[in-house]
Amino acid sequence: MLISFDEPIADTELDQFLADIEKSMRGTGTVEGFSARRHIPVSGEGEIPALVATAILQFDVADLDALERLFAAPGAAAVIHHWQARNPYRVAWANHEPL
C-alpha cells in the first residue's frame, strides 16, 4: 500500500497515522505481519508526473481469503475518514505474492 499525503505531514502525525492503520488492520485477525517505511526523497522526483509516496505499508496475510477479510476490515473506514478529513491523501494498492 502506497500512501501519498497531499501536503507535507509532520513526523509525529505520520507516526500516528501508521499506528492507527496498523491497529485497524491487525484488528481483523488476519494480519500475520506488518511493516511500514517512510519514502526516501531524491532530487528531482517532484518533477516526475507520478504518485510519489509519503510511506509504503505492507500487510502480510496467509491467503486470498485472509486478504478478502482484510479489505472488509470494520475499523478501517473510521480510520480512513478520520485521516482524510485531517490530512487528505491518495492510495495505491498492489496485491502480490511474497517478494
PDB file of N, CA and C in Angstrom:
ATOM      1  N   MET A   1       0.860  -1.155   0.000  1.00  0.00           N
ATOM      2  CA  MET A   1       0.000   0.000   0.000  1.00  0.00           C
ATOM      3  C   MET A   1       0.908   1.218   0.000  1.00  0.00           C
ATOM      4  N   LEU A   2       0.722   2.107  -0.967  1.00  0.00           N
ATOM      5  CA  LEU A   2       1.457   3.361  -1.019  1.00  0.00           C
ATOM      6  C   LEU A   2       0.528   4.477  -0.566  1.00  0.00           C
ATOM      7  N   ILE A   3       1.005   5.308   0.334  1.00  0.00           N
ATOM      8  CA  ILE A   3       0.247   6.448   0.842  1.00  0.00           C
ATOM      9  C   ILE A   3       0.961   7.714   0.404  1.00  0.00           C
ATOM     10  N   SER A   4       0.215   8.627  -0.195  1.00  0.00           N
ATOM     11  CA  SER A   4       0.796   9.899  -0.624  1.00  0.00           C
ATOM     12  C   SER A   4      -0.068  11.037  -0.088  1.00  0.00           C
ATOM     13  N   PHE A   5       0.414  11.704   0.945  1.00  0.00           N
ATOM     14  CA  PHE A   5      -0.319  12.838   1.502  1.00  0.00           C
ATOM     15  C   PHE A   5      -0.216  14.021   0.547  1.00  0.00           C
ATOM     16  N   ASP A   6      -1.319  14.769   0.424  1.00  0.00           N
ATOM     17  CA  ASP A   6      -1.360  15.904  -0.497  1.00  0.00           C
ATOM     18  C   ASP A   6      -0.415  17.021  -0.082  1.00  0.00           C
ATOM     19  N   GLU A   7      -0.218  17.186   1.207  1.00  0.00           N
ATOM     20  CA  GLU A   7       0.658  18.226   1.752  1.00  0.00           C
ATOM     21  C   GLU A   7       1.662  17.565   2.689  1.00  0.00           C
ATOM     22  N   PRO A   8       2.786  18.224   2.939  1.00  0.00           N
ATOM     23  CA  PRO A   8       3.747  17.656   3.900  1.00  0.00           C
ATOM     24  C   PRO A   8       3.063  17.388   5.244  1.00  0.00           C
ATOM     25  N   ILE A   9       3.478  16.319   5.888  1.00  0.00           N
ATOM     26  CA  ILE A   9       2.893  15.919   7.165  1.00  0.00           C
ATOM     27  C   ILE A   9       4.024  15.766   8.183  1.00  0.00           C
ATOM     28  N   ALA A  10       3.791  16.246   9.392  1.00  0.00           N
ATOM     29  CA  ALA A  10       4.801  16.158  10.452  1.00  0.00           C
ATOM     30  C   ALA A  10       5.100  14.696  10.769  1.00  0.00           C
ATOM     31  N   ASP A  11       6.321  14.428  11.173  1.00  0.00           N
ATOM     32  CA  ASP A  11       6.725  13.060  11.517  1.00  0.00           C
ATOM     33  C   ASP A  11       5.817  12.449  12.576  1.00  0.00           C
ATOM     34  N   THR A  12       5.446  13.245  13.577  1.00  0.00           N
ATOM     35  CA  THR A  12       4.584  12.718  14.640  1.00  0.00           C
ATOM     36  C   THR A  12       3.205  12.348  14.100  1.00  0.00           C
ATOM     37  N   GLU A  13       2.696  13.148  13.174  1.00  0.00           N
ATOM     38  CA  GLU A  13       1.399  12.848  12.563  1.00  0.00           C
ATOM     39  C   GLU A  13       1.485  11.583  11.713  1.00  0.00           C
ATOM     40  N   LEU A  14       2.559  11.456  10.942  1.00  0.00           N
ATOM     41  CA  LEU A  14       2.725  10.261  10.115  1.00  0.00           C
ATOM     42  C   LEU A  14       2.861   9.018  10.991  1.00  0.00           C
ATOM     43  N   ASP A  15       3.612   9.133  12.071  1.00  0.00           N
ATOM     44  CA  ASP A  15       3.741   8.008  13.007  1.00  0.00           C
ATOM     45  C   ASP A  15       2.376   7.582  13.538  1.00  0.00           C
ATOM     46  N   GLN A  16       1.535   8.554  13.889  1.00  0.00           N
ATOM     47  CA  GLN A  16       0.211   8.236  14.419  1.00  0.00           C
ATOM     48  C   GLN A  16      -0.668   7.616  13.340  1.00  0.00           C
ATOM     49  N   PHE A  17      -0.604   8.155  12.130  1.00  0.00           N
ATOM     50  CA  PHE A  17      -1.360   7.585  11.015  1.00  0.00           C
ATOM     51  C   PHE A  17      -0.996   6.113  10.820  1.00  0.00           C
ATOM     52  N   LEU A  18       0.306   5.835  10.763  1.00  0.00           N
ATOM     53  CA  LEU A  18       0.766   4.459  10.557  1.00  0.00           C
ATOM     54  C   LEU A  18       0.318   3.543  11.693  1.00  0.00           C
ATOM     55  N   ALA A  19       0.379   4.038  12.923  1.00  0.00           N
ATOM     56  CA  ALA A  19      -0.063   3.245  14.077  1.00  0.00           C
ATOM     57  C   ALA A  19      -1.565   2.971  14.004  1.00  0.00           C
ATOM     58  N   ASP A  20      -2.343   3.976  13.609  1.00  0.00           N
ATOM     59  CA  ASP A  20      -3.796   3.808  13.501  1.00  0.00           C
ATOM     60  C   ASP A  20      -4.165   2.789  12.421  1.00  0.00           C
ATOM     61  N   ILE A  21      -3.500   2.874  11.277  1.00  0.00           N
ATOM     62  CA  ILE A  21      -3.763   1.924  10.193  1.00  0.00           C
ATOM     63  C   ILE A  21      -3.382   0.507  10.631  1.00  0.00           C
ATOM     64  N   GLU A  22      -2.205   0.382  11.237  1.00  0.00           N
ATOM     65  CA  GLU A  22      -1.765  -0.945  11.690  1.00  0.00           C
ATOM     66  C   GLU A  22      -2.772  -1.541  12.675  1.00  0.00           C
ATOM     67  N   LYS A  23      -3.204  -0.744  13.640  1.00  0.00           N
ATOM     68  CA  LYS A  23      -4.145  -1.239  14.652  1.00  0.00           C
ATOM     69  C   LYS A  23      -5.458  -1.692  14.012  1.00  0.00           C
ATOM     70  N   SER A  24      -5.983  -0.895  13.085  1.00  0.00           N
ATOM     71  CA  SER A  24      -7.265  -1.260  12.469  1.00  0.00           C
ATOM     72  C   SER A  24      -7.134  -2.526  11.626  1.00  0.00           C
ATOM     73  N   MET A  25      -6.028  -2.680  10.938  1.00  0.00           N
ATOM     74  CA  MET A  25      -5.839  -3.873  10.110  1.00  0.00           C
ATOM     75  C   MET A  25      -5.542  -5.109  10.960  1.00  0.00           C
ATOM     76  N   ARG A  26      -4.755  -4.952  11.999  1.00  0.00           N
ATOM     77  CA  ARG A  26      -4.490  -6.095  12.888  1.00  0.00           C
ATOM     78  C   ARG A  26      -5.770  -6.536  13.597  1.00  0.00           C
ATOM     79  N   GLY A  27      -6.698  -5.595  13.782  1.00  0.00           N
ATOM     80  CA  GLY A  27      -7.971  -5.906  14.415  1.00  0.00           C
ATOM     81  C   GLY A  27      -8.807  -6.916  13.638  1.00  0.00           C
ATOM     82  N   THR A  28      -8.472  -7.139  12.377  1.00  0.00           N
ATOM     83  CA  THR A  28      -9.198  -8.132  11.579  1.00  0.00           C
ATOM     84  C   THR A  28      -8.820  -9.551  11.974  1.00  0.00           C
ATOM     85  N   GLY A  29      -7.667  -9.702  12.628  1.00  0.00           N
ATOM     86  CA  GLY A  29      -7.181 -11.025  12.982  1.00  0.00           C
ATOM     87  C   GLY A  29      -6.538 -11.767  11.825  1.00  0.00           C
ATOM     88  N   THR A  30      -6.420 -11.128  10.677  1.00  0.00           N
ATOM     89  CA  THR A  30      -5.850 -11.794   9.503  1.00  0.00           C
ATOM     90  C   THR A  30      -4.419 -11.367   9.194  1.00  0.00           C
ATOM     91  N   VAL A  31      -3.953 -10.295   9.806  1.00  0.00           N
ATOM     92  CA  VAL A  31      -2.614  -9.781   9.505  1.00  0.00           C
ATOM     93  C   VAL A  31      -1.574 -10.582  10.280  1.00  0.00           C
ATOM     94  N   GLU A  32      -0.688 -11.229   9.541  1.00  0.00           N
ATOM     95  CA  GLU A  32       0.385 -12.012  10.156  1.00  0.00           C
ATOM     96  C   GLU A  32       1.644 -11.182  10.352  1.00  0.00           C
ATOM     97  N   GLY A  33       1.774 -10.126   9.578  1.00  0.00           N
ATOM     98  CA  GLY A  33       2.931  -9.252   9.692  1.00  0.00           C
ATOM     99  C   GLY A  33       2.608  -7.892   9.110  1.00  0.00           C
ATOM    100  N   PHE A  34       3.254  -6.882   9.637  1.00  0.00           N
ATOM    101  CA  PHE A  34       3.050  -5.512   9.160  1.00  0.00           C
ATOM    102  C   PHE A  34       4.392  -4.808   9.167  1.00  0.00           C
ATOM    103  N   SER A  35       4.640  -4.036   8.126  1.00  0.00           N
ATOM    104  CA  SER A  35       5.820  -3.179   8.118  1.00  0.00           C
ATOM    105  C   SER A  35       5.474  -1.897   7.379  1.00  0.00           C
ATOM    106  N   ALA A  36       6.123  -0.827   7.777  1.00  0.00           N
ATOM    107  CA  ALA A  36       5.920   0.471   7.141  1.00  0.00           C
ATOM    108  C   ALA A  36       7.250   1.206   7.129  1.00  0.00           C
ATOM    109  N   ARG A  37       7.500   1.891   6.043  1.00  0.00           N
ATOM    110  CA  ARG A  37       8.712   2.685   5.909  1.00  0.00           C
ATOM    111  C   ARG A  37       8.364   3.998   5.237  1.00  0.00           C
ATOM    112  N   ARG A  38       9.107   5.015   5.619  1.00  0.00           N
ATOM    113  CA  ARG A  38       8.946   6.332   5.007  1.00  0.00           C
ATOM    114  C   ARG A  38       9.650   6.353   3.653  1.00  0.00           C
ATOM    115  N   HIS A  39       9.115   7.136   2.765  1.00  0.00           N
ATOM    116  CA  HIS A  39       9.737   7.360   1.468  1.00  0.00           C
ATOM    117  C   HIS A  39      11.051   8.110   1.672  1.00  0.00           C
ATOM    118  N   ILE A  40      12.053   7.776   0.895  1.00  0.00           N
ATOM    119  CA  ILE A  40      13.336   8.484   0.929  1.00  0.00           C
ATOM    120  C   ILE A  40      13.375   9.390  -0.297  1.00  0.00           C
ATOM    121  N   PRO A  41      13.222  10.703  -0.100  1.00  0.00           N
ATOM    122  CA  PRO A  41      13.180  11.611  -1.247  1.00  0.00           C
ATOM    123  C   PRO A  41      14.544  11.773  -1.924  1.00  0.00           C
ATOM    124  N   VAL A  42      14.500  11.979  -3.236  1.00  0.00           N
ATOM    125  CA  VAL A  42      15.701  12.272  -4.009  1.00  0.00           C
ATOM    126  C   VAL A  42      15.438  13.505  -4.868  1.00  0.00           C
ATOM    127  N   SER A  43      16.495  14.173  -5.241  1.00  0.00           N
ATOM    128  CA  SER A  43      16.390  15.391  -6.048  1.00  0.00           C
ATOM    129  C   SER A  43      15.657  15.104  -7.354  1.00  0.00           C
ATOM    130  N   GLY A  44      14.765  16.010  -7.707  1.00  0.00           N
ATOM    131  CA  GLY A  44      14.075  15.948  -8.986  1.00  0.00           C
ATOM    132  C   GLY A  44      12.831  15.089  -9.033  1.00  0.00           C
ATOM    133  N   GLU A  45      12.545  14.336  -7.999  1.00  0.00           N
ATOM    134  CA  GLU A  45      11.386  13.447  -8.077  1.00  0.00           C
ATOM    135  C   GLU A  45      10.068  14.204  -8.140  1.00  0.00           C
ATOM    136  N   GLY A  46      10.056  15.431  -7.638  1.00  0.00           N
ATOM    137  CA  GLY A  46       8.841  16.237  -7.706  1.00  0.00           C
ATOM    138  C   GLY A  46       8.460  16.622  -9.121  1.00  0.00           C
ATOM    139  N   GLU A  47       9.388  16.507 -10.035  1.00  0.00           N
ATOM    140  CA  GLU A  47       9.146  16.841 -11.438  1.00  0.00           C
ATOM    141  C   GLU A  47       8.539  15.671 -12.212  1.00  0.00           C
ATOM    142  N   ILE A  48       8.543  14.505 -11.617  1.00  0.00           N
ATOM    143  CA  ILE A  48       8.029  13.315 -12.291  1.00  0.00           C
ATOM    144  C   ILE A  48       6.500  13.303 -12.181  1.00  0.00           C
ATOM    145  N   PRO A  49       5.792  13.129 -13.304  1.00  0.00           N
ATOM    146  CA  PRO A  49       4.323  13.103 -13.246  1.00  0.00           C
ATOM    147  C   PRO A  49       3.808  11.747 -12.760  1.00  0.00           C
ATOM    148  N   ALA A  50       4.078  11.467 -11.497  1.00  0.00           N
ATOM    149  CA  ALA A  50       3.662  10.185 -10.926  1.00  0.00           C
ATOM    150  C   ALA A  50       3.332  10.377  -9.453  1.00  0.00           C
ATOM    151  N   LEU A  51       2.645   9.408  -8.890  1.00  0.00           N
ATOM    152  CA  LEU A  51       2.375   9.415  -7.461  1.00  0.00           C
ATOM    153  C   LEU A  51       3.695   9.164  -6.736  1.00  0.00           C
ATOM    154  N   VAL A  52       4.073  10.079  -5.872  1.00  0.00           N
ATOM    155  CA  VAL A  52       5.269   9.904  -5.044  1.00  0.00           C
ATOM    156  C   VAL A  52       4.773   9.641  -3.628  1.00  0.00           C
ATOM    157  N   ALA A  53       5.100   8.488  -3.112  1.00  0.00           N
ATOM    158  CA  ALA A  53       4.578   8.061  -1.820  1.00  0.00           C
ATOM    159  C   ALA A  53       5.210   8.823  -0.665  1.00  0.00           C
ATOM    160  N   THR A  54       4.442   9.018   0.388  1.00  0.00           N
ATOM    161  CA  THR A  54       4.947   9.508   1.663  1.00  0.00           C
ATOM    162  C   THR A  54       5.479   8.327   2.466  1.00  0.00           C
ATOM    163  N   ALA A  55       4.782   7.203   2.340  1.00  0.00           N
ATOM    164  CA  ALA A  55       5.177   5.977   3.046  1.00  0.00           C
ATOM    165  C   ALA A  55       4.661   4.770   2.279  1.00  0.00           C
ATOM    166  N   ILE A  56       5.294   3.633   2.538  1.00  0.00           N
ATOM    167  CA  ILE A  56       4.839   2.367   1.978  1.00  0.00           C
ATOM    168  C   ILE A  56       4.535   1.427   3.142  1.00  0.00           C
ATOM    169  N   LEU A  57       3.408   0.739   3.042  1.00  0.00           N
ATOM    170  CA  LEU A  57       2.971  -0.177   4.090  1.00  0.00           C
ATOM    171  C   LEU A  57       2.798  -1.556   3.485  1.00  0.00           C
ATOM    172  N   GLN A  58       3.161  -2.576   4.234  1.00  0.00           N
ATOM    173  CA  GLN A  58       2.968  -3.946   3.776  1.00  0.00           C
ATOM    174  C   GLN A  58       2.240  -4.732   4.851  1.00  0.00           C
ATOM    175  N   PHE A  59       1.176  -5.403   4.422  1.00  0.00           N
ATOM    176  CA  PHE A  59       0.396  -6.270   5.297  1.00  0.00           C
ATOM    177  C   PHE A  59       0.591  -7.700   4.817  1.00  0.00           C
ATOM    178  N   ASP A  60       1.066  -8.569   5.680  1.00  0.00           N
ATOM    179  CA  ASP A  60       1.255  -9.972   5.329  1.00  0.00           C
ATOM    180  C   ASP A  60       0.035 -10.761   5.786  1.00  0.00           C
ATOM    181  N   VAL A  61      -0.552 -11.501   4.857  1.00  0.00           N
ATOM    182  CA  VAL A  61      -1.697 -12.359   5.165  1.00  0.00           C
ATOM    183  C   VAL A  61      -1.428 -13.757   4.612  1.00  0.00           C
ATOM    184  N   ALA A  62      -2.148 -14.746   5.120  1.00  0.00           N
ATOM    185  CA  ALA A  62      -1.888 -16.145   4.780  1.00  0.00           C
ATOM    186  C   ALA A  62      -2.319 -16.523   3.368  1.00  0.00           C
ATOM    187  N   ASP A  63      -3.471 -15.990   2.942  1.00  0.00           N
ATOM    188  CA  ASP A  63      -4.018 -16.451   1.665  1.00  0.00           C
ATOM    189  C   ASP A  63      -5.040 -15.448   1.144  1.00  0.00           C
ATOM    190  N   LEU A  64      -5.664 -15.791   0.031  1.00  0.00           N
ATOM    191  CA  LEU A  64      -6.629 -14.898  -0.599  1.00  0.00           C
ATOM    192  C   LEU A  64      -7.840 -14.641   0.292  1.00  0.00           C
ATOM    193  N   ASP A  65      -8.298 -15.643   1.011  1.00  0.00           N
ATOM    194  CA  ASP A  65      -9.432 -15.444   1.925  1.00  0.00           C
ATOM    195  C   ASP A  65      -9.094 -14.408   2.997  1.00  0.00           C
ATOM    196  N   ALA A  66      -7.890 -14.489   3.535  1.00  0.00           N
ATOM    197  CA  ALA A  66      -7.457 -13.518   4.546  1.00  0.00           C
ATOM    198  C   ALA A  66      -7.358 -12.125   3.937  1.00  0.00           C
ATOM    199  N   LEU A  67      -6.903 -12.047   2.697  1.00  0.00           N
ATOM    200  CA  LEU A  67      -6.820 -10.753   2.016  1.00  0.00           C
ATOM    201  C   LEU A  67      -8.207 -10.153   1.832  1.00  0.00           C
ATOM    202  N   GLU A  68      -9.173 -10.986   1.469  1.00  0.00           N
ATOM    203  CA  GLU A  68     -10.558 -10.520   1.324  1.00  0.00           C
ATOM    204  C   GLU A  68     -11.085  -9.976   2.655  1.00  0.00           C
ATOM    205  N   ARG A  69     -10.796 -10.661   3.750  1.00  0.00           N
ATOM    206  CA  ARG A  69     -11.240 -10.192   5.074  1.00  0.00           C
ATOM    207  C   ARG A  69     -10.550  -8.883   5.444  1.00  0.00           C
ATOM    208  N   LEU A  70      -9.304  -8.747   5.052  1.00  0.00           N
ATOM    209  CA  LEU A  70      -8.564  -7.512   5.333  1.00  0.00           C
ATOM    210  C   LEU A  70      -9.241  -6.320   4.667  1.00  0.00           C
ATOM    211  N   PHE A  71      -9.685  -6.499   3.432  1.00  0.00           N
ATOM    212  CA  PHE A  71     -10.348  -5.415   2.711  1.00  0.00           C
ATOM    213  C   PHE A  71     -11.678  -5.038   3.344  1.00  0.00           C
ATOM    214  N   ALA A  72     -12.269  -5.935   4.093  1.00  0.00           N
ATOM    215  CA  ALA A  72     -13.550  -5.668   4.748  1.00  0.00           C
ATOM    216  C   ALA A  72     -13.369  -5.274   6.210  1.00  0.00           C
ATOM    217  N   ALA A  73     -12.174  -4.856   6.586  1.00  0.00           N
ATOM    218  CA  ALA A  73     -11.878  -4.508   7.985  1.00  0.00           C
ATOM    219  C   ALA A  73     -12.862  -3.461   8.492  1.00  0.00           C
ATOM    220  N   PRO A  74     -13.650  -3.794   9.526  1.00  0.00           N
ATOM    221  CA  PRO A  74     -14.674  -2.869  10.010  1.00  0.00           C
ATOM    222  C   PRO A  74     -14.113  -1.561  10.567  1.00  0.00           C
ATOM    223  N   GLY A  75     -12.959  -1.595  11.194  1.00  0.00           N
ATOM    224  CA  GLY A  75     -12.398  -0.376  11.769  1.00  0.00           C
ATOM    225  C   GLY A  75     -11.661   0.498  10.776  1.00  0.00           C
ATOM    226  N   ALA A  76     -11.385  -0.034   9.597  1.00  0.00           N
ATOM    227  CA  ALA A  76     -10.595   0.714   8.620  1.00  0.00           C
ATOM    228  C   ALA A  76     -11.318   1.962   8.120  1.00  0.00           C
ATOM    229  N   ALA A  77     -12.607   1.873   7.876  1.00  0.00           N
ATOM    230  CA  ALA A  77     -13.351   3.017   7.340  1.00  0.00           C
ATOM    231  C   ALA A  77     -13.274   4.219   8.275  1.00  0.00           C
ATOM    232  N   ALA A  78     -13.406   3.994   9.565  1.00  0.00           N
ATOM    233  CA  ALA A  78     -13.335   5.098  10.529  1.00  0.00           C
ATOM    234  C   ALA A  78     -11.955   5.743  10.517  1.00  0.00           C
ATOM    235  N   VAL A  79     -10.915   4.923  10.450  1.00  0.00           N
ATOM    236  CA  VAL A  79      -9.547   5.455  10.415  1.00  0.00           C
ATOM    237  C   VAL A  79      -9.331   6.251   9.134  1.00  0.00           C
ATOM    238  N   ILE A  80      -9.767   5.702   8.016  1.00  0.00           N
ATOM    239  CA  ILE A  80      -9.608   6.381   6.727  1.00  0.00           C
ATOM    240  C   ILE A  80     -10.324   7.721   6.737  1.00  0.00           C
ATOM    241  N   HIS A  81     -11.570   7.748   7.154  1.00  0.00           N
ATOM    242  CA  HIS A  81     -12.330   9.008   7.169  1.00  0.00           C
ATOM    243  C   HIS A  81     -11.709  10.026   8.124  1.00  0.00           C
ATOM    244  N   HIS A  82     -11.260   9.568   9.276  1.00  0.00           N
ATOM    245  CA  HIS A  82     -10.621  10.461  10.249  1.00  0.00           C
ATOM    246  C   HIS A  82      -9.403  11.142   9.631  1.00  0.00           C
ATOM    247  N   TRP A  83      -8.522  10.351   9.018  1.00  0.00           N
ATOM    248  CA  TRP A  83      -7.287  10.908   8.465  1.00  0.00           C
ATOM    249  C   TRP A  83      -7.518  11.686   7.182  1.00  0.00           C
ATOM    250  N   GLN A  84      -8.454  11.266   6.357  1.00  0.00           N
ATOM    251  CA  GLN A  84      -8.748  12.023   5.134  1.00  0.00           C
ATOM    252  C   GLN A  84      -9.266  13.418   5.476  1.00  0.00           C
ATOM    253  N   ALA A  85     -10.023  13.536   6.556  1.00  0.00           N
ATOM    254  CA  ALA A  85     -10.539  14.844   6.974  1.00  0.00           C
ATOM    255  C   ALA A  85      -9.422  15.744   7.496  1.00  0.00           C
ATOM    256  N   ARG A  86      -8.437  15.164   8.158  1.00  0.00           N
ATOM    257  CA  ARG A  86      -7.326  15.940   8.734  1.00  0.00           C
ATOM    258  C   ARG A  86      -6.232  16.239   7.730  1.00  0.00           C
ATOM    259  N   ASN A  87      -5.826  15.226   6.993  1.00  0.00           N
ATOM    260  CA  ASN A  87      -4.705  15.314   6.061  1.00  0.00           C
ATOM    261  C   ASN A  87      -5.047  14.478   4.827  1.00  0.00           C
ATOM    262  N   PRO A  88      -5.634  15.092   3.818  1.00  0.00           N
ATOM    263  CA  PRO A  88      -6.011  14.311   2.632  1.00  0.00           C
ATOM    264  C   PRO A  88      -4.812  13.565   2.034  1.00  0.00           C
ATOM    265  N   TYR A  89      -5.090  12.368   1.539  1.00  0.00           N
ATOM    266  CA  TYR A  89      -4.038  11.550   0.938  1.00  0.00           C
ATOM    267  C   TYR A  89      -4.630  10.668  -0.149  1.00  0.00           C
ATOM    268  N   ARG A  90      -3.739  10.154  -0.990  1.00  0.00           N
ATOM    269  CA  ARG A  90      -4.113   9.212  -2.033  1.00  0.00           C
ATOM    270  C   ARG A  90      -3.456   7.871  -1.717  1.00  0.00           C
ATOM    271  N   VAL A  91      -4.044   6.821  -2.259  1.00  0.00           N
ATOM    272  CA  VAL A  91      -3.551   5.468  -2.001  1.00  0.00           C
ATOM    273  C   VAL A  91      -3.354   4.736  -3.323  1.00  0.00           C
ATOM    274  N   ALA A  92      -2.291   3.967  -3.383  1.00  0.00           N
ATOM    275  CA  ALA A  92      -2.101   2.990  -4.458  1.00  0.00           C
ATOM    276  C   ALA A  92      -1.939   1.642  -3.767  1.00  0.00           C
ATOM    277  N   TRP A  93      -2.541   0.623  -4.329  1.00  0.00           N
ATOM    278  CA  TRP A  93      -2.556  -0.687  -3.690  1.00  0.00           C
ATOM    279  C   TRP A  93      -2.072  -1.722  -4.692  1.00  0.00           C
ATOM    280  N   ALA A  94      -1.263  -2.656  -4.239  1.00  0.00           N
ATOM    281  CA  ALA A  94      -0.804  -3.759  -5.090  1.00  0.00           C
ATOM    282  C   ALA A  94      -0.818  -5.046  -4.273  1.00  0.00           C
ATOM    283  N   ASN A  95      -1.671  -5.974  -4.672  1.00  0.00           N
ATOM    284  CA  ASN A  95      -1.703  -7.287  -4.032  1.00  0.00           C
ATOM    285  C   ASN A  95      -0.729  -8.182  -4.790  1.00  0.00           C
ATOM    286  N   HIS A  96       0.125  -8.900  -4.058  1.00  0.00           N
ATOM    287  CA  HIS A  96       1.155  -9.692  -4.731  1.00  0.00           C
ATOM    288  C   HIS A  96       1.584 -10.877  -3.874  1.00  0.00           C
ATOM    289  N   GLU A  97       2.227 -11.812  -4.507  1.00  0.00           N
ATOM    290  CA  GLU A  97       2.855 -12.933  -3.818  1.00  0.00           C
ATOM    291  C   GLU A  97       4.055 -12.393  -3.046  1.00  0.00           C
ATOM    292  N   PRO A  98       4.557 -13.123  -2.048  1.00  0.00           N
ATOM    293  CA  PRO A  98       5.748 -12.656  -1.315  1.00  0.00           C
ATOM    294  C   PRO A  98       6.909 -12.377  -2.269  1.00  0.00           C
ATOM    295  N   LEU A  99       7.593 -11.290  -1.996  1.00  0.00           N
ATOM    296  CA  LEU A  99       8.745 -10.920  -2.833  1.00  0.00           C
ATOM    297  C   LEU A  99       9.978 -11.678  -2.404  1.00  0.00           C
TER     298      LEU A  99
END
